Amino acid sequence: MHQILISPLVTEKMTNITADNGKYGFLVNPKANKIQIAKAIEAKFNVHVTDVKTITHAGKMKTQFRKSGRFTGKTAKYKKAIITLKEGEKIELFEAV
């Protein structure tokens, strides 16, 4: 599998969760499992992951009406991972936000 971590999740809800509990959110490859996600985060940020929770979102059907007719398509599916770090550890990437 090429790239497991796609991007960090920086939303208002994730910022509130991060501030209190030492949890961080990432968009990850939909084919990645929890073990692969934990190993990728430990290798990239040099921290210890204690828990990984994943959420898979299915793509939605979208329809657009144009002069030339109706176009139907589907948005891409994606997967979010919320990770918990060992007590006292932080990821510096999120501290700057």
PDB file of N, CA and C in Angstrom:
ATOM      1  N   MET A   1       0.853  -1.171   0.000  1.00  0.00           N
ATOM      2  CA  MET A   1       0.000   0.000   0.000  1.00  0.00           C
ATOM      3  C   MET A   1       0.896   1.230   0.000  1.00  0.00           C
ATOM      4  N   HIS A   2       0.595   2.162  -0.869  1.00  0.00           N
ATOM      5  CA  HIS A   2       1.481   3.300  -1.062  1.00  0.00           C
ATOM      6  C   HIS A   2       1.417   4.284   0.098  1.00  0.00           C
ATOM      7  N   GLN A   3       0.399   5.084   0.147  1.00  0.00           N
ATOM      8  CA  GLN A   3       0.325   6.138   1.136  1.00  0.00           C
ATOM      9  C   GLN A   3      -0.824   5.846   2.088  1.00  0.00           C
ATOM     10  N   ILE A   4      -0.523   5.688   3.362  1.00  0.00           N
ATOM     11  CA  ILE A   4      -1.556   5.393   4.348  1.00  0.00           C
ATOM     12  C   ILE A   4      -2.160   6.685   4.881  1.00  0.00           C
ATOM     13  N   LEU A   5      -1.322   7.618   5.312  1.00  0.00           N
ATOM     14  CA  LEU A   5      -1.807   8.901   5.825  1.00  0.00           C
ATOM     15  C   LEU A   5      -1.957   9.878   4.664  1.00  0.00           C
ATOM     16  N   ILE A   6      -3.158  10.407   4.482  1.00  0.00           N
ATOM     17  CA  ILE A   6      -3.398  11.349   3.393  1.00  0.00           C
ATOM     18  C   ILE A   6      -3.233  12.785   3.884  1.00  0.00           C
ATOM     19  N   SER A   7      -3.954  13.155   4.944  1.00  0.00           N
ATOM     20  CA  SER A   7      -3.834  14.511   5.477  1.00  0.00           C
ATOM     21  C   SER A   7      -4.385  14.558   6.898  1.00  0.00           C
ATOM     22  N   PRO A   8      -3.967  15.549   7.679  1.00  0.00           N
ATOM     23  CA  PRO A   8      -4.546  15.711   9.014  1.00  0.00           C
ATOM     24  C   PRO A   8      -5.952  16.297   8.910  1.00  0.00           C
ATOM     25  N   LEU A   9      -6.804  15.972   9.881  1.00  0.00           N
ATOM     26  CA  LEU A   9      -8.148  16.541   9.946  1.00  0.00           C
ATOM     27  C   LEU A   9      -8.090  17.783  10.825  1.00  0.00           C
ATOM     28  N   VAL A  10      -8.324  18.927  10.233  1.00  0.00           N
ATOM     29  CA  VAL A  10      -8.324  20.171  10.997  1.00  0.00           C
ATOM     30  C   VAL A  10      -9.703  20.790  10.842  1.00  0.00           C
ATOM     31  N   THR A  11     -10.603  20.401  11.735  1.00  0.00           N
ATOM     32  CA  THR A  11     -11.952  20.947  11.763  1.00  0.00           C
ATOM     33  C   THR A  11     -12.216  21.467  13.165  1.00  0.00           C
ATOM     34  N   GLU A  12     -13.294  22.185  13.327  1.00  0.00           N
ATOM     35  CA  GLU A  12     -13.623  22.733  14.644  1.00  0.00           C
ATOM     36  C   GLU A  12     -13.848  21.611  15.664  1.00  0.00           C
ATOM     37  N   LYS A  13     -14.540  20.574  15.256  1.00  0.00           N
ATOM     38  CA  LYS A  13     -14.817  19.459  16.159  1.00  0.00           C
ATOM     39  C   LYS A  13     -13.530  18.732  16.555  1.00  0.00           C
ATOM     40  N   MET A  14     -12.655  18.467  15.582  1.00  0.00           N
ATOM     41  CA  MET A  14     -11.399  17.778  15.898  1.00  0.00           C
ATOM     42  C   MET A  14     -10.491  18.649  16.764  1.00  0.00           C
ATOM     43  N   THR A  15     -10.521  19.960  16.569  1.00  0.00           N
ATOM     44  CA  THR A  15      -9.717  20.853  17.393  1.00  0.00           C
ATOM     45  C   THR A  15     -10.174  20.800  18.846  1.00  0.00           C
ATOM     46  N   ASN A  16     -11.481  20.743  19.079  1.00  0.00           N
ATOM     47  CA  ASN A  16     -12.000  20.639  20.447  1.00  0.00           C
ATOM     48  C   ASN A  16     -11.625  19.310  21.087  1.00  0.00           C
ATOM     49  N   ILE A  17     -11.686  18.229  20.329  1.00  0.00           N
ATOM     50  CA  ILE A  17     -11.317  16.909  20.851  1.00  0.00           C
ATOM     51  C   ILE A  17      -9.822  16.859  21.155  1.00  0.00           C
ATOM     52  N   THR A  18      -9.005  17.419  20.276  1.00  0.00           N
ATOM     53  CA  THR A  18      -7.552  17.398  20.430  1.00  0.00           C
ATOM     54  C   THR A  18      -7.110  18.171  21.658  1.00  0.00           C
ATOM     55  N   ALA A  19      -7.750  19.294  21.928  1.00  0.00           N
ATOM     56  CA  ALA A  19      -7.337  20.161  23.027  1.00  0.00           C
ATOM     57  C   ALA A  19      -7.437  19.460  24.381  1.00  0.00           C
ATOM     58  N   ASP A  20      -8.377  18.566  24.540  1.00  0.00           N
ATOM     59  CA  ASP A  20      -8.614  17.964  25.851  1.00  0.00           C
ATOM     60  C   ASP A  20      -7.985  16.588  26.038  1.00  0.00           C
ATOM     61  N   ASN A  21      -8.093  15.721  25.059  1.00  0.00           N
ATOM     62  CA  ASN A  21      -7.840  14.303  25.290  1.00  0.00           C
ATOM     63  C   ASN A  21      -6.578  13.738  24.669  1.00  0.00           C
ATOM     64  N   GLY A  22      -5.814  14.499  23.938  1.00  0.00           N
ATOM     65  CA  GLY A  22      -4.646  13.948  23.261  1.00  0.00           C
ATOM     66  C   GLY A  22      -5.016  13.059  22.093  1.00  0.00           C
ATOM     67  N   LYS A  23      -6.132  13.382  21.434  1.00  0.00           N
ATOM     68  CA  LYS A  23      -6.580  12.628  20.266  1.00  0.00           C
ATOM     69  C   LYS A  23      -6.352  13.474  19.030  1.00  0.00           C
ATOM     70  N   TYR A  24      -6.026  12.814  17.924  1.00  0.00           N
ATOM     71  CA  TYR A  24      -5.751  13.507  16.670  1.00  0.00           C
ATOM     72  C   TYR A  24      -6.469  12.789  15.540  1.00  0.00           C
ATOM     73  N   GLY A  25      -6.898  13.547  14.536  1.00  0.00           N
ATOM     74  CA  GLY A  25      -7.630  12.974  13.415  1.00  0.00           C
ATOM     75  C   GLY A  25      -6.853  13.073  12.118  1.00  0.00           C
ATOM     76  N   PHE A  26      -6.986  12.047  11.292  1.00  0.00           N
ATOM     77  CA  PHE A  26      -6.320  12.001   9.993  1.00  0.00           C
ATOM     78  C   PHE A  26      -7.266  11.424   8.955  1.00  0.00           C
ATOM     79  N   LEU A  27      -7.147  11.896   7.716  1.00  0.00           N
ATOM     80  CA  LEU A  27      -7.752  11.206   6.585  1.00  0.00           C
ATOM     81  C   LEU A  27      -6.757  10.144   6.165  1.00  0.00           C
ATOM     82  N   VAL A  28      -7.228   8.920   5.997  1.00  0.00           N
ATOM     83  CA  VAL A  28      -6.336   7.811   5.675  1.00  0.00           C
ATOM     84  C   VAL A  28      -6.844   7.082   4.434  1.00  0.00           C
ATOM     85  N   ASN A  29      -6.001   6.228   3.894  1.00  0.00           N
ATOM     86  CA  ASN A  29      -6.360   5.404   2.748  1.00  0.00           C
ATOM     87  C   ASN A  29      -7.508   4.475   3.150  1.00  0.00           C
ATOM     88  N   PRO A  30      -8.589   4.411   2.358  1.00  0.00           N
ATOM     89  CA  PRO A  30      -9.726   3.558   2.722  1.00  0.00           C
ATOM     90  C   PRO A  30      -9.380   2.075   2.864  1.00  0.00           C
ATOM     91  N   LYS A  31      -8.280   1.625   2.266  1.00  0.00           N
ATOM     92  CA  LYS A  31      -7.903   0.215   2.356  1.00  0.00           C
ATOM     93  C   LYS A  31      -7.004  -0.081   3.551  1.00  0.00           C
ATOM     94  N   ALA A  32      -6.566   0.942   4.277  1.00  0.00           N
ATOM     95  CA  ALA A  32      -5.657   0.751   5.412  1.00  0.00           C
ATOM     96  C   ALA A  32      -6.426   0.235   6.628  1.00  0.00           C
ATOM     97  N   ASN A  33      -5.787  -0.669   7.382  1.00  0.00           N
ATOM     98  CA  ASN A  33      -6.407  -1.151   8.611  1.00  0.00           C
ATOM     99  C   ASN A  33      -5.796  -0.427   9.816  1.00  0.00           C
ATOM    100  N   LYS A  34      -6.309  -0.705  11.010  1.00  0.00           N
ATOM    101  CA  LYS A  34      -5.888   0.021  12.210  1.00  0.00           C
ATOM    102  C   LYS A  34      -4.415  -0.197  12.543  1.00  0.00           C
ATOM    103  N   ILE A  35      -3.917  -1.386  12.318  1.00  0.00           N
ATOM    104  CA  ILE A  35      -2.514  -1.686  12.622  1.00  0.00           C
ATOM    105  C   ILE A  35      -1.599  -0.896  11.695  1.00  0.00           C
ATOM    106  N   GLN A  36      -1.930  -0.858  10.416  1.00  0.00           N
ATOM    107  CA  GLN A  36      -1.124  -0.094   9.460  1.00  0.00           C
ATOM    108  C   GLN A  36      -1.156   1.401   9.777  1.00  0.00           C
ATOM    109  N   ILE A  37      -2.317   1.908  10.171  1.00  0.00           N
ATOM    110  CA  ILE A  37      -2.443   3.326  10.519  1.00  0.00           C
ATOM    111  C   ILE A  37      -1.584   3.649  11.732  1.00  0.00           C
ATOM    112  N   ALA A  38      -1.650   2.811  12.764  1.00  0.00           N
ATOM    113  CA  ALA A  38      -0.860   3.047  13.980  1.00  0.00           C
ATOM    114  C   ALA A  38       0.633   3.025  13.675  1.00  0.00           C
ATOM    115  N   LYS A  39       1.086   2.056  12.885  1.00  0.00           N
ATOM    116  CA  LYS A  39       2.512   1.972  12.547  1.00  0.00           C
ATOM    117  C   LYS A  39       2.966   3.177  11.732  1.00  0.00           C
ATOM    118  N   ALA A  40       2.117   3.645  10.809  1.00  0.00           N
ATOM    119  CA  ALA A  40       2.474   4.805   9.986  1.00  0.00           C
ATOM    120  C   ALA A  40       2.605   6.070  10.833  1.00  0.00           C
ATOM    121  N   ILE A  41       1.711   6.257  11.788  1.00  0.00           N
ATOM    122  CA  ILE A  41       1.770   7.442  12.650  1.00  0.00           C
ATOM    123  C   ILE A  41       2.967   7.368  13.580  1.00  0.00           C
ATOM    124  N   GLU A  42       3.232   6.188  14.137  1.00  0.00           N
ATOM    125  CA  GLU A  42       4.397   6.035  15.018  1.00  0.00           C
ATOM    126  C   GLU A  42       5.694   6.295  14.263  1.00  0.00           C
ATOM    127  N   ALA A  43       5.776   5.840  13.021  1.00  0.00           N
ATOM    128  CA  ALA A  43       6.994   6.038  12.237  1.00  0.00           C
ATOM    129  C   ALA A  43       7.168   7.497  11.811  1.00  0.00           C
ATOM    130  N   LYS A  44       6.087   8.139  11.426  1.00  0.00           N
ATOM    131  CA  LYS A  44       6.185   9.503  10.901  1.00  0.00           C
ATOM    132  C   LYS A  44       6.402  10.547  11.995  1.00  0.00           C
ATOM    133  N   PHE A  45       5.717  10.408  13.133  1.00  0.00           N
ATOM    134  CA  PHE A  45       5.757  11.441  14.167  1.00  0.00           C
ATOM    135  C   PHE A  45       6.545  11.040  15.411  1.00  0.00           C
ATOM    136  N   ASN A  46       7.067   9.818  15.462  1.00  0.00           N
ATOM    137  CA  ASN A  46       7.869   9.336  16.588  1.00  0.00           C
ATOM    138  C   ASN A  46       7.111   9.443  17.918  1.00  0.00           C
ATOM    139  N   VAL A  47       5.899   8.889  17.952  1.00  0.00           N
ATOM    140  CA  VAL A  47       5.047   8.864  19.140  1.00  0.00           C
ATOM    141  C   VAL A  47       4.544   7.437  19.345  1.00  0.00           C
ATOM    142  N   HIS A  48       3.867   7.190  20.468  1.00  0.00           N
ATOM    143  CA  HIS A  48       3.294   5.876  20.756  1.00  0.00           C
ATOM    144  C   HIS A  48       1.770   5.971  20.684  1.00  0.00           C
ATOM    145  N   VAL A  49       1.156   5.190  19.802  1.00  0.00           N
ATOM    146  CA  VAL A  49      -0.291   5.183  19.618  1.00  0.00           C
ATOM    147  C   VAL A  49      -0.890   4.126  20.535  1.00  0.00           C
ATOM    148  N   THR A  50      -1.903   4.520  21.331  1.00  0.00           N
ATOM    149  CA  THR A  50      -2.553   3.566  22.226  1.00  0.00           C
ATOM    150  C   THR A  50      -3.895   3.074  21.685  1.00  0.00           C
ATOM    151  N   ASP A  51      -4.553   3.881  20.829  1.00  0.00           N
ATOM    152  CA  ASP A  51      -5.869   3.490  20.330  1.00  0.00           C
ATOM    153  C   ASP A  51      -6.104   4.112  18.955  1.00  0.00           C
ATOM    154  N   VAL A  52      -6.781   3.364  18.089  1.00  0.00           N
ATOM    155  CA  VAL A  52      -7.149   3.864  16.759  1.00  0.00           C
ATOM    156  C   VAL A  52      -8.618   3.543  16.530  1.00  0.00           C
ATOM    157  N   LYS A  53      -9.389   4.577  16.220  1.00  0.00           N
ATOM    158  CA  LYS A  53     -10.789   4.396  15.853  1.00  0.00           C
ATOM    159  C   LYS A  53     -10.943   4.874  14.412  1.00  0.00           C
ATOM    160  N   THR A  54     -11.660   4.102  13.596  1.00  0.00           N
ATOM    161  CA  THR A  54     -11.806   4.464  12.187  1.00  0.00           C
ATOM    162  C   THR A  54     -13.273   4.660  11.830  1.00  0.00           C
ATOM    163  N   ILE A  55     -13.511   5.552  10.886  1.00  0.00           N
ATOM    164  CA  ILE A  55     -14.844   5.843  10.380  1.00  0.00           C
ATOM    165  C   ILE A  55     -14.750   5.837   8.859  1.00  0.00           C
ATOM    166  N   THR A  56     -15.561   5.017   8.203  1.00  0.00           N
ATOM    167  CA  THR A  56     -15.570   4.962   6.746  1.00  0.00           C
ATOM    168  C   THR A  56     -16.831   5.646   6.234  1.00  0.00           C
ATOM    169  N   HIS A  57     -16.641   6.629   5.352  1.00  0.00           N
ATOM    170  CA  HIS A  57     -17.758   7.348   4.749  1.00  0.00           C
ATOM    171  C   HIS A  57     -17.902   6.896   3.305  1.00  0.00           C
ATOM    172  N   ALA A  58     -19.111   6.482   2.942  1.00  0.00           N
ATOM    173  CA  ALA A  58     -19.378   6.063   1.566  1.00  0.00           C
ATOM    174  C   ALA A  58     -19.551   7.296   0.688  1.00  0.00           C
ATOM    175  N   GLY A  59     -19.282   7.153  -0.595  1.00  0.00           N
ATOM    176  CA  GLY A  59     -19.482   8.252  -1.534  1.00  0.00           C
ATOM    177  C   GLY A  59     -20.965   8.526  -1.738  1.00  0.00           C
ATOM    178  N   LYS A  60     -21.301   9.773  -2.014  1.00  0.00           N
ATOM    179  CA  LYS A  60     -22.691  10.161  -2.229  1.00  0.00           C
ATOM    180  C   LYS A  60     -22.967  10.305  -3.724  1.00  0.00           C
ATOM    181  N   MET A  61     -24.198  10.022  -4.102  1.00  0.00           N
ATOM    182  CA  MET A  61     -24.626  10.246  -5.481  1.00  0.00           C
ATOM    183  C   MET A  61     -24.944  11.725  -5.652  1.00  0.00           C
ATOM    184  N   LYS A  62     -24.428  12.323  -6.712  1.00  0.00           N
ATOM    185  CA  LYS A  62     -24.666  13.734  -7.009  1.00  0.00           C
ATOM    186  C   LYS A  62     -25.236  13.853  -8.416  1.00  0.00           C
ATOM    187  N   THR A  63     -26.173  14.775  -8.599  1.00  0.00           N
ATOM    188  CA  THR A  63     -26.767  15.021  -9.903  1.00  0.00           C
ATOM    189  C   THR A  63     -26.690  16.508 -10.206  1.00  0.00           C
ATOM    190  N   GLN A  64     -26.262  16.835 -11.421  1.00  0.00           N
ATOM    191  CA  GLN A  64     -26.219  18.220 -11.881  1.00  0.00           C
ATOM    192  C   GLN A  64     -27.082  18.349 -13.126  1.00  0.00           C
ATOM    193  N   PHE A  65     -27.831  19.423 -13.184  1.00  0.00           N
ATOM    194  CA  PHE A  65     -28.659  19.693 -14.357  1.00  0.00           C
ATOM    195  C   PHE A  65     -28.023  20.837 -15.137  1.00  0.00           C
ATOM    196  N   ARG A  66     -27.713  20.585 -16.401  1.00  0.00           N
ATOM    197  CA  ARG A  66     -27.096  21.577 -17.287  1.00  0.00           C
ATOM    198  C   ARG A  66     -27.982  21.771 -18.519  1.00  0.00           C
ATOM    199  N   LYS A  67     -27.593  22.692 -19.360  1.00  0.00           N
ATOM    200  CA  LYS A  67     -28.344  22.934 -20.601  1.00  0.00           C
ATOM    201  C   LYS A  67     -28.375  21.692 -21.482  1.00  0.00           C
ATOM    202  N   SER A  68     -27.278  20.948 -21.454  1.00  0.00           N
ATOM    203  CA  SER A  68     -27.186  19.778 -22.324  1.00  0.00           C
ATOM    204  C   SER A  68     -27.781  18.513 -21.709  1.00  0.00           C
ATOM    205  N   GLY A  69     -28.303  18.595 -20.496  1.00  0.00           N
ATOM    206  CA  GLY A  69     -28.923  17.423 -19.895  1.00  0.00           C
ATOM    207  C   GLY A  69     -28.516  17.225 -18.449  1.00  0.00           C
ATOM    208  N   ARG A  70     -28.784  16.050 -17.964  1.00  0.00           N
ATOM    209  CA  ARG A  70     -28.521  15.711 -16.569  1.00  0.00           C
ATOM    210  C   ARG A  70     -27.253  14.879 -16.475  1.00  0.00           C
ATOM    211  N   PHE A  71     -26.400  15.209 -15.512  1.00  0.00           N
ATOM    212  CA  PHE A  71     -25.168  14.463 -15.276  1.00  0.00           C
ATOM    213  C   PHE A  71     -25.230  13.857 -13.882  1.00  0.00           C
ATOM    214  N   THR A  72     -24.965  12.568 -13.790  1.00  0.00           N
ATOM    215  CA  THR A  72     -24.980  11.886 -12.508  1.00  0.00           C
ATOM    216  C   THR A  72     -23.594  11.328 -12.234  1.00  0.00           C
ATOM    217  N   GLY A  73     -23.144  11.489 -11.005  1.00  0.00           N
ATOM    218  CA  GLY A  73     -21.838  10.976 -10.617  1.00  0.00           C
ATOM    219  C   GLY A  73     -21.826  10.621  -9.146  1.00  0.00           C
ATOM    220  N   LYS A  74     -20.671  10.223  -8.676  1.00  0.00           N
ATOM    221  CA  LYS A  74     -20.542   9.807  -7.289  1.00  0.00           C
ATOM    222  C   LYS A  74     -19.284  10.432  -6.707  1.00  0.00           C
ATOM    223  N   THR A  75     -19.380  10.947  -5.475  1.00  0.00           N
ATOM    224  CA  THR A  75     -18.199  11.487  -4.811  1.00  0.00           C
ATOM    225  C   THR A  75     -17.363  10.324  -4.277  1.00  0.00           C
ATOM    226  N   ALA A  76     -16.115  10.584  -4.029  1.00  0.00           N
ATOM    227  CA  ALA A  76     -15.203   9.535  -3.575  1.00  0.00           C
ATOM    228  C   ALA A  76     -15.493   9.148  -2.126  1.00  0.00           C
ATOM    229  N   LYS A  77     -15.311   7.863  -1.814  1.00  0.00           N
ATOM    230  CA  LYS A  77     -15.425   7.449  -0.420  1.00  0.00           C
ATOM    231  C   LYS A  77     -14.115   7.787   0.285  1.00  0.00           C
ATOM    232  N   TYR A  78     -14.188   7.964   1.598  1.00  0.00           N
ATOM    233  CA  TYR A  78     -12.988   8.276   2.356  1.00  0.00           C
ATOM    234  C   TYR A  78     -13.084   7.672   3.746  1.00  0.00           C
ATOM    235  N   LYS A  79     -11.948   7.650   4.421  1.00  0.00           N
ATOM    236  CA  LYS A  79     -11.859   7.035   5.737  1.00  0.00           C
ATOM    237  C   LYS A  79     -11.139   7.988   6.676  1.00  0.00           C
ATOM    238  N   LYS A  80     -11.700   8.155   7.875  1.00  0.00           N
ATOM    239  CA  LYS A  80     -11.079   8.987   8.898  1.00  0.00           C
ATOM    240  C   LYS A  80     -10.567   8.083  10.013  1.00  0.00           C
ATOM    241  N   ALA A  81      -9.456   8.475  10.603  1.00  0.00           N
ATOM    242  CA  ALA A  81      -8.919   7.749  11.753  1.00  0.00           C
ATOM    243  C   ALA A  81      -8.710   8.744  12.881  1.00  0.00           C
ATOM    244  N   ILE A  82      -9.211   8.405  14.065  1.00  0.00           N
ATOM    245  CA  ILE A  82      -8.981   9.210  15.261  1.00  0.00           C
ATOM    246  C   ILE A  82      -8.065   8.390  16.154  1.00  0.00           C
ATOM    247  N   ILE A  83      -6.872   8.918  16.402  1.00  0.00           N
ATOM    248  CA  ILE A  83      -5.872   8.171  17.161  1.00  0.00           C
ATOM    249  C   ILE A  83      -5.689   8.806  18.533  1.00  0.00           C
ATOM    250  N   THR A  84      -5.370   7.970  19.509  1.00  0.00           N
ATOM    251  CA  THR A  84      -5.072   8.431  20.860  1.00  0.00           C
ATOM    252  C   THR A  84      -3.616   8.117  21.146  1.00  0.00           C
ATOM    253  N   LEU A  85      -2.905   9.106  21.673  1.00  0.00           N
ATOM    254  CA  LEU A  85      -1.490   8.936  21.979  1.00  0.00           C
ATOM    255  C   LEU A  85      -1.292   8.581  23.441  1.00  0.00           C
ATOM    256  N   LYS A  86      -0.100   8.061  23.742  1.00  0.00           N
ATOM    257  CA  LYS A  86       0.297   7.765  25.105  1.00  0.00           C
ATOM    258  C   LYS A  86       0.283   9.062  25.914  1.00  0.00           C
ATOM    259  N   GLU A  87      -0.022   8.959  27.192  1.00  0.00           N
ATOM    260  CA  GLU A  87      -0.132  10.117  28.087  1.00  0.00           C
ATOM    261  C   GLU A  87       1.107  11.005  28.007  1.00  0.00           C
ATOM    262  N   GLY A  88       0.894  12.298  27.788  1.00  0.00           N
ATOM    263  CA  GLY A  88       1.991  13.257  27.772  1.00  0.00           C
ATOM    264  C   GLY A  88       2.633  13.486  26.418  1.00  0.00           C
ATOM    265  N   GLU A  89       2.245  12.738  25.390  1.00  0.00           N
ATOM    266  CA  GLU A  89       2.839  12.911  24.064  1.00  0.00           C
ATOM    267  C   GLU A  89       1.949  13.807  23.201  1.00  0.00           C
ATOM    268  N   LYS A  90       2.595  14.536  22.291  1.00  0.00           N
ATOM    269  CA  LYS A  90       1.871  15.428  21.392  1.00  0.00           C
ATOM    270  C   LYS A  90       2.468  15.328  19.998  1.00  0.00           C
ATOM    271  N   ILE A  91       1.666  15.699  19.007  1.00  0.00           N
ATOM    272  CA  ILE A  91       2.138  15.805  17.631  1.00  0.00           C
ATOM    273  C   ILE A  91       2.293  17.294  17.339  1.00  0.00           C
ATOM    274  N   GLU A  92       3.501  17.701  16.999  1.00  0.00           N
ATOM    275  CA  GLU A  92       3.807  19.119  16.805  1.00  0.00           C
ATOM    276  C   GLU A  92       3.065  19.725  15.620  1.00  0.00           C
ATOM    277  N   LEU A  93       2.694  18.924  14.641  1.00  0.00           N
ATOM    278  CA  LEU A  93       1.971  19.410  13.474  1.00  0.00           C
ATOM    279  C   LEU A  93       0.668  20.093  13.877  1.00  0.00           C
ATOM    280  N   PHE A  94      -0.011  19.543  14.880  1.00  0.00           N
ATOM    281  CA  PHE A  94      -1.298  20.077  15.310  1.00  0.00           C
ATOM    282  C   PHE A  94      -1.147  21.244  16.282  1.00  0.00           C
ATOM    283  N   GLU A  95      -0.009  21.375  16.918  1.00  0.00           N
ATOM    284  CA  GLU A  95       0.192  22.453  17.884  1.00  0.00           C
ATOM    285  C   GLU A  95       0.284  23.807  17.192  1.00  0.00           C
ATOM    286  N   ALA A  96       0.702  23.830  15.934  1.00  0.00           N
ATOM    287  CA  ALA A  96       0.854  25.090  15.202  1.00  0.00           C
ATOM    288  C   ALA A  96      -0.484  25.630  14.709  1.00  0.00           C
ATOM    289  N   VAL A  97      -1.507  24.780  14.665  1.00  0.00           N
ATOM    290  CA  VAL A  97      -2.808  25.194  14.117  1.00  0.00           C
ATOM    291  C   VAL A  97      -3.620  25.900  15.164  1.00  0.00           C
TER     292      VAL A  97
END
